[in-house]
Protein backbone atom coordinates (compact mmCIF):
# COMPACT_ATOMS: atom_id res chain seq x y z
CA MET A 1 0.53 2.70 -7.98
CA ALA A 2 -3.03 1.97 -6.85
CA PHE A 3 -1.79 -0.86 -4.61
CA PHE A 4 0.94 1.32 -3.09
CA THR A 5 -1.55 4.12 -2.43
CA ASP A 6 -3.94 1.73 -0.64
CA VAL A 7 -1.12 0.33 1.51
CA LEU A 8 0.15 3.82 2.37
CA HIS A 9 -3.31 5.01 3.41
CA ALA A 10 -3.86 1.89 5.58
CA PHE A 11 -0.47 2.45 7.25
CA GLY A 12 -1.34 6.09 7.82
CA ARG A 13 -4.56 5.13 9.63
CA ARG A 14 -3.14 2.43 11.90
CA GLY A 15 0.61 2.24 11.40
CA ARG A 16 3.16 0.89 13.86
CA LEU A 17 6.90 1.53 13.90
CA GLY A 18 9.41 -0.25 16.13
CA GLY A 19 8.74 -2.41 19.15
CA ARG A 20 6.76 -2.32 22.38
CA ILE A 21 3.47 -1.97 20.53
CA GLY A 22 1.60 -3.38 23.53
CA SER A 23 2.73 -0.35 25.55
CA GLY A 24 1.58 2.08 22.89
CA HIS A 25 5.08 2.79 21.60
CA GLY A 26 5.54 3.27 17.89
CA VAL A 27 1.92 4.17 17.11
CA ILE A 28 1.73 6.70 14.28
CA ARG A 29 -0.93 8.47 12.27
CA ALA A 30 -0.23 10.19 8.97
CA ASP A 31 -2.51 12.65 7.22
CA LEU A 32 -1.97 12.09 3.50
CA THR A 33 -2.90 14.48 0.72
CA PRO A 34 -2.54 13.17 -2.84
CA GLU A 35 -0.83 15.52 -5.28
CA LEU A 36 -0.56 14.84 -9.00
CA LEU A 37 2.84 16.10 -10.19
CA ALA A 38 2.80 14.91 -13.80
CA GLY A 39 0.48 13.29 -16.31
CA ASP A 40 -3.26 12.86 -16.10
CA ASP A 41 -5.27 11.35 -13.26
CA ALA A 42 -6.49 7.99 -14.54
CA GLY A 43 -9.04 7.74 -11.74
CA PRO A 44 -9.43 4.78 -9.42
CA VAL A 45 -7.80 1.50 -10.46
CA ASP A 46 -9.16 -1.85 -9.27
CA TRP A 47 -5.83 -3.53 -8.52
CA ARG A 48 -7.51 -6.36 -6.58
CA THR A 49 -9.33 -7.67 -9.66
CA HIS A 50 -6.16 -7.38 -11.75
CA LEU A 51 -4.20 -9.30 -9.11
CA ARG A 52 -6.89 -11.98 -8.85
CA ASP A 53 -6.94 -12.38 -12.64
CA ASN A 54 -3.12 -12.58 -12.79
CA ARG A 55 -2.43 -14.52 -9.61
CA ASP A 56 0.07 -16.97 -11.09
CA GLU A 57 2.18 -14.17 -12.56
CA ALA A 58 2.11 -12.27 -9.26
CA MET A 59 3.19 -15.35 -7.29
CA GLU A 60 6.03 -15.95 -9.75
CA ALA A 61 7.18 -12.34 -9.37
CA LEU A 62 7.26 -12.75 -5.58
CA THR A 63 9.63 -15.73 -5.93
CA TRP A 64 12.17 -13.40 -7.55
CA LEU A 65 12.59 -11.73 -4.15
CA THR A 66 14.01 -14.84 -2.48
């Protein structure tokens, strides 16, 4: 979830949809407001360290997509 949230926020700041990006087409900006709908907020999660520590498993999981 932490990874998805980081990606979504980065896309919201400088996202592009479609073609003709050089002409300024497809540029978007999204204002995101987190909302906890269930459970407890676990606080920030350092997904980068977890991914670095489990790199081989992550790479194996990515091969399932092909």
